[in-house]
């Protein structure tokens, strides 16, 4: 049984599955890759931007309640479920065929007390759940571009309102999108400039972290230590991600300006 929330769109793009060199891909009515899974390592995060989104742990290590808008093949949801047992994940996906594909082809586990995959409108879900999550992750794309309902000023304001004190949102954006400066400015405005960006090296993704309230100033040495701990625990390149965060964001006297 698929849980539902809100209304689904009248038409959703067809889901397509492909495989190449040991990697399985999910597409929506075209060649663009929406999700990827290495068949011999199904629990790993194959795409770099998904690993970068997990860098919220550098700033919110005690997160317990996470919302994910845009399930795709379920890479992030199943990674959190497997490797962060202290966290509870609720994932929203508007296309029921995507949820079915995540379960049938990408090994997304069934719902339990720590994982819930809902079919429905992610923007409506965010608007309806103020002060309910420690972390919000947004990765909502159709076959061509980011979903407009997930990039409006009203949505970004609701995203901030969804976060508890000290919460952080992670938005996956495309740096090559002509609208990227508009979306980036909207996030800045909604979060009072408490924003950091983390660009991917291999593709054009830019993960934008936005904070409900300004985090206390964190020294580089403390973040380096946290990156080493999380890298050892999860096997992700957090030290490289931290170096990029340091390179792409304002720094003063050895501390990030957020």
Protein backbone atom coordinates (compact mmCIF):
# COMPACT_ATOMS: atom_id res chain seq x y z
CA UNK A 1 0.00 0.00 0.00
CA UNK A 2 1.37 3.44 -0.96
CA UNK A 3 0.73 6.23 1.54
CA UNK A 4 -0.48 9.48 0.02
CA UNK A 5 -0.49 13.16 0.95
CA UNK A 6 -2.17 15.98 -0.94
CA UNK A 7 -3.14 15.83 -4.59
CA UNK A 8 -1.02 14.32 -7.36
CA UNK A 9 -0.60 16.21 -10.60
CA UNK A 10 -2.87 15.38 -13.51
CA UNK A 11 0.06 14.00 -15.50
CA UNK A 12 3.43 12.75 -14.32
CA UNK A 13 6.36 11.84 -16.57
CA UNK A 14 6.99 8.20 -17.39
CA UNK A 15 9.70 6.41 -15.40
CA UNK A 16 12.48 4.69 -17.34
CA UNK A 17 15.23 2.41 -16.03
CA UNK A 18 18.62 1.83 -17.69
CA UNK A 19 21.87 0.11 -16.76
CA UNK A 20 25.44 0.76 -17.84
CA UNK A 21 28.75 -0.55 -16.50
CA UNK A 22 27.22 -1.91 -13.33
CA UNK A 23 25.16 1.19 -12.50
CA UNK A 24 21.37 1.34 -12.65
CA UNK A 25 19.77 4.68 -13.53
CA UNK A 26 16.32 6.20 -13.15
CA UNK A 27 15.09 8.65 -15.82
CA UNK A 28 11.89 10.65 -16.26
CA UNK A 29 10.78 10.71 -19.90
CA UNK A 30 14.26 11.46 -21.20
CA UNK A 31 17.99 10.79 -20.88
CA UNK A 32 18.62 12.98 -17.82
CA UNK A 33 19.67 10.93 -14.79
CA UNK A 34 17.36 11.36 -11.79
CA UNK A 35 18.97 8.69 -9.61
CA UNK A 36 21.73 6.09 -9.77
CA UNK A 37 22.67 2.92 -7.90
CA UNK A 38 25.79 0.81 -8.25
CA UNK A 39 24.39 -2.69 -8.31
CA UNK A 40 27.26 -4.17 -6.28
CA UNK A 41 26.99 -1.37 -3.68
CA UNK A 42 23.24 -0.63 -3.51
CA UNK A 43 23.40 1.26 -0.19
CA UNK A 44 26.13 3.66 -1.29
CA UNK A 45 25.46 7.16 -2.63
CA UNK A 46 26.57 6.88 -6.24
CA UNK A 47 26.02 10.51 -7.29
CA UNK A 48 28.32 13.11 -5.76
CA UNK A 49 25.62 15.68 -5.07
CA UNK A 50 23.71 13.18 -2.89
CA UNK A 51 26.84 12.72 -0.81
CA UNK A 52 27.27 16.50 -0.63
CA UNK A 53 23.71 16.92 0.68
CA UNK A 54 24.64 14.71 3.64
CA UNK A 55 27.15 17.38 4.72
CA UNK A 56 24.32 18.90 6.77
CA UNK A 57 25.73 16.59 9.46
CA UNK A 58 28.68 18.96 9.88
CA UNK A 59 26.25 21.58 11.19
CA UNK A 60 23.36 19.53 12.63
CA UNK A 61 24.95 16.33 13.96
CA UNK A 62 22.11 15.71 16.44
CA UNK A 63 19.36 15.69 13.79
CA UNK A 64 16.60 13.17 14.46
CA UNK A 65 13.67 14.11 12.18
CA UNK A 66 14.39 14.56 8.47
CA UNK A 67 12.05 15.37 5.57
CA UNK A 68 13.09 14.66 1.98
CA UNK A 69 11.20 16.23 -0.93
CA UNK A 70 11.85 14.30 -4.13
CA UNK A 71 12.51 10.58 -3.63
CA UNK A 72 14.04 9.58 -6.95
CA UNK A 73 15.49 6.08 -6.65
CA UNK A 74 15.57 6.49 -2.88
CA UNK A 75 19.35 6.80 -2.57
CA UNK A 76 19.32 9.36 0.26
CA UNK A 77 16.35 7.78 2.04
CA UNK A 78 17.86 4.32 2.17
CA UNK A 79 21.31 5.68 3.08
CA UNK A 80 19.86 7.52 6.08
CA UNK A 81 17.78 4.47 7.01
CA UNK A 82 20.80 2.16 6.94
CA UNK A 83 23.60 4.33 8.33
CA UNK A 84 21.86 6.83 10.64
CA UNK A 85 19.72 4.59 12.87
CA UNK A 86 19.02 7.48 15.23
CA UNK A 87 17.17 9.39 12.46
CA UNK A 88 13.62 9.14 11.15
CA UNK A 89 13.07 9.95 7.47
CA UNK A 90 9.84 11.03 5.75
CA UNK A 91 10.15 11.21 1.95
CA UNK A 92 7.63 12.90 -0.37
CA UNK A 93 7.37 11.99 -4.05
CA UNK A 94 4.58 13.26 -6.32
CA UNK A 95 4.91 10.49 -8.92
CA UNK A 96 3.70 7.09 -7.66
CA UNK A 97 5.63 5.34 -10.44
CA UNK A 98 8.85 6.74 -8.95
CA UNK A 99 8.01 5.29 -5.54
CA UNK A 100 7.26 1.93 -7.14
CA UNK A 101 10.54 2.04 -9.08
CA UNK A 102 12.52 2.94 -5.95
CA UNK A 103 11.11 -0.14 -4.23
CA UNK A 104 11.19 -2.47 -7.23
CA UNK A 105 14.53 -1.56 -8.84
CA UNK A 106 16.57 0.41 -6.28
CA UNK A 107 16.00 -1.58 -3.05
CA UNK A 108 14.24 1.12 -1.07
CA UNK A 109 13.10 -0.76 2.04
CA UNK A 110 9.45 -0.89 3.10
CA UNK A 111 8.08 1.66 5.51
CA UNK A 112 8.81 1.11 9.17
CA UNK A 113 9.11 3.21 12.32
CA UNK A 114 12.09 5.14 10.85
CA UNK A 115 11.13 5.43 7.17
CA UNK A 116 7.96 6.65 5.50
CA UNK A 117 7.61 7.20 1.76
CA UNK A 118 4.54 9.27 0.90
CA UNK A 119 3.09 9.86 -2.56
CA UNK A 120 1.91 13.43 -2.85
CA UNK A 121 2.69 17.11 -3.17
CA UNK A 122 5.96 17.87 -1.37
CA UNK A 123 5.38 21.63 -1.41
CA UNK A 124 1.98 21.19 0.26
CA UNK A 125 3.54 18.88 2.83
CA UNK A 126 6.17 21.47 3.76
CA UNK A 127 3.57 24.23 4.05
CA UNK A 128 1.45 22.03 6.35
CA UNK A 129 4.21 21.02 8.80
CA UNK A 130 5.70 24.08 10.58
CA UNK A 131 8.34 23.51 13.27
CA UNK A 132 8.33 19.75 12.64
CA UNK A 133 11.80 18.82 11.30
CA UNK A 134 15.45 19.19 12.22
CA UNK A 135 16.52 18.84 8.59
CA UNK A 136 14.75 19.41 5.27
CA UNK A 137 16.32 18.08 2.05
CA UNK A 138 14.86 19.27 -1.26
CA UNK A 139 15.71 17.52 -4.54
CA UNK A 140 12.59 17.99 -6.64
CA UNK A 141 13.11 17.91 -10.41
CA UNK A 142 10.91 16.89 -13.30
CA UNK A 143 12.31 15.65 -16.63
CA UNK A 144 13.64 19.11 -17.51
CA UNK A 145 14.13 21.40 -14.53
CA UNK A 146 13.48 22.08 -10.88
CA UNK A 147 9.78 21.98 -10.01
CA UNK A 148 8.59 25.59 -9.75
CA UNK A 149 6.45 24.89 -6.67
CA UNK A 150 9.69 23.91 -4.90
CA UNK A 151 11.54 27.11 -5.82
CA UNK A 152 9.08 29.91 -5.13
CA UNK A 153 9.56 32.57 -2.42
CA UNK A 154 6.54 31.13 -0.60
CA UNK A 155 8.05 27.65 -0.62
CA UNK A 156 11.40 28.81 0.73
CA UNK A 157 9.62 30.72 3.50
CA UNK A 158 7.65 27.57 4.34
CA UNK A 159 10.86 25.54 4.27
CA UNK A 160 12.35 27.76 6.93
CA UNK A 161 9.14 27.62 8.95
CA UNK A 162 9.24 23.81 8.83
CA UNK A 163 12.56 23.75 10.66
CA UNK A 164 12.89 23.57 14.41
CA UNK A 165 15.34 25.90 16.17
CA UNK A 166 18.83 25.19 14.91
CA UNK A 167 17.47 23.35 11.87
CA UNK A 168 19.07 23.30 8.43
CA UNK A 169 17.70 22.85 4.91
CA UNK A 170 19.70 21.41 2.00
CA UNK A 171 18.57 22.39 -1.51
CA UNK A 172 19.96 20.72 -4.63
CA UNK A 173 20.20 23.32 -7.42
CA UNK A 174 21.76 23.36 -10.87
CA UNK A 175 24.46 26.03 -11.24
CA UNK A 176 24.00 26.01 -15.03
CA UNK A 177 20.28 26.77 -14.75
CA UNK A 178 19.60 30.31 -15.97
CA UNK A 179 17.31 30.73 -12.96
CA UNK A 180 19.95 29.69 -10.41
CA UNK A 181 20.72 33.30 -9.32
CA UNK A 182 16.98 33.87 -8.78
CA UNK A 183 16.57 30.72 -6.68
CA UNK A 184 19.74 31.45 -4.73
CA UNK A 185 18.58 34.98 -3.94
CA UNK A 186 15.17 33.69 -2.86
CA UNK A 187 16.82 31.29 -0.41
CA UNK A 188 18.99 34.12 0.92
CA UNK A 189 15.93 36.30 1.43
CA UNK A 190 13.87 33.57 3.12
CA UNK A 191 16.69 32.61 5.49
CA UNK A 192 18.02 36.11 6.22
CA UNK A 193 21.32 35.35 4.47
CA UNK A 194 22.16 32.38 6.75
CA UNK A 195 23.26 30.38 3.72
CA UNK A 196 26.25 28.34 2.54
CA UNK A 197 26.90 26.78 -0.86
CA UNK A 198 28.71 23.57 -1.73
CA UNK A 199 29.33 23.01 -5.45
CA UNK A 200 29.92 19.56 -6.89
CA UNK A 201 33.13 19.09 -8.83
CA UNK A 202 32.02 16.63 -11.49
CA UNK A 203 28.69 18.15 -12.55
CA UNK A 204 26.80 21.37 -12.20
CA UNK A 205 24.98 20.66 -8.95
CA UNK A 206 25.27 23.22 -6.16
CA UNK A 207 23.98 22.19 -2.76
CA UNK A 208 22.76 25.20 -0.78
CA UNK A 209 22.55 24.86 3.01
CA UNK A 210 20.20 27.32 4.71
CA UNK A 211 19.88 27.74 8.47
CA UNK A 212 16.74 28.52 10.43
CA UNK A 213 18.77 30.69 12.78
CA UNK A 214 22.44 31.64 12.59
CA UNK A 215 24.64 28.80 13.84
CA UNK A 216 27.25 29.77 16.41
CA UNK A 217 30.58 30.69 14.82
CA UNK A 218 32.46 27.49 14.10
CA UNK A 219 36.23 27.42 13.79
CA UNK A 220 37.83 25.62 10.88
CA UNK A 221 39.64 23.22 13.20
CA UNK A 222 36.36 22.15 14.82
CA UNK A 223 34.72 21.56 11.45
CA UNK A 224 37.76 19.61 10.27
CA UNK A 225 37.48 17.35 13.28
CA UNK A 226 33.76 16.82 12.63
CA UNK A 227 34.48 16.09 8.95
CA UNK A 228 37.05 13.45 9.90
CA UNK A 229 34.64 11.78 12.32
CA UNK A 230 31.78 11.65 9.84
CA UNK A 231 34.06 10.56 6.99
CA UNK A 232 35.26 7.62 9.08
CA UNK A 233 31.72 6.69 10.10
CA UNK A 234 29.97 7.03 6.73
CA UNK A 235 32.75 6.66 4.18
CA UNK A 236 31.91 10.01 2.56
CA UNK A 237 34.40 12.68 1.44
CA UNK A 238 33.40 15.26 4.04
CA UNK A 239 36.91 16.65 4.30
CA UNK A 240 36.85 17.52 0.60
CA UNK A 241 33.36 18.97 0.96
CA UNK A 242 34.53 21.13 3.86
CA UNK A 243 37.45 22.42 1.80
CA UNK A 244 34.99 23.49 -0.90
CA UNK A 245 32.65 25.11 1.62
CA UNK A 246 35.62 27.07 2.93
CA UNK A 247 36.62 28.10 -0.59
CA UNK A 248 33.16 29.17 -1.79
CA UNK A 249 31.77 31.05 1.23
CA UNK A 250 32.73 34.12 3.28
CA UNK A 251 35.33 33.46 5.98
CA UNK A 252 36.66 35.81 8.62
CA UNK A 253 39.33 35.11 11.24
CA UNK A 254 39.20 31.39 10.64
CA UNK A 255 35.41 31.12 10.95
CA UNK A 256 32.57 30.77 8.46
CA UNK A 257 30.30 33.79 8.16
CA UNK A 258 26.75 32.42 8.04
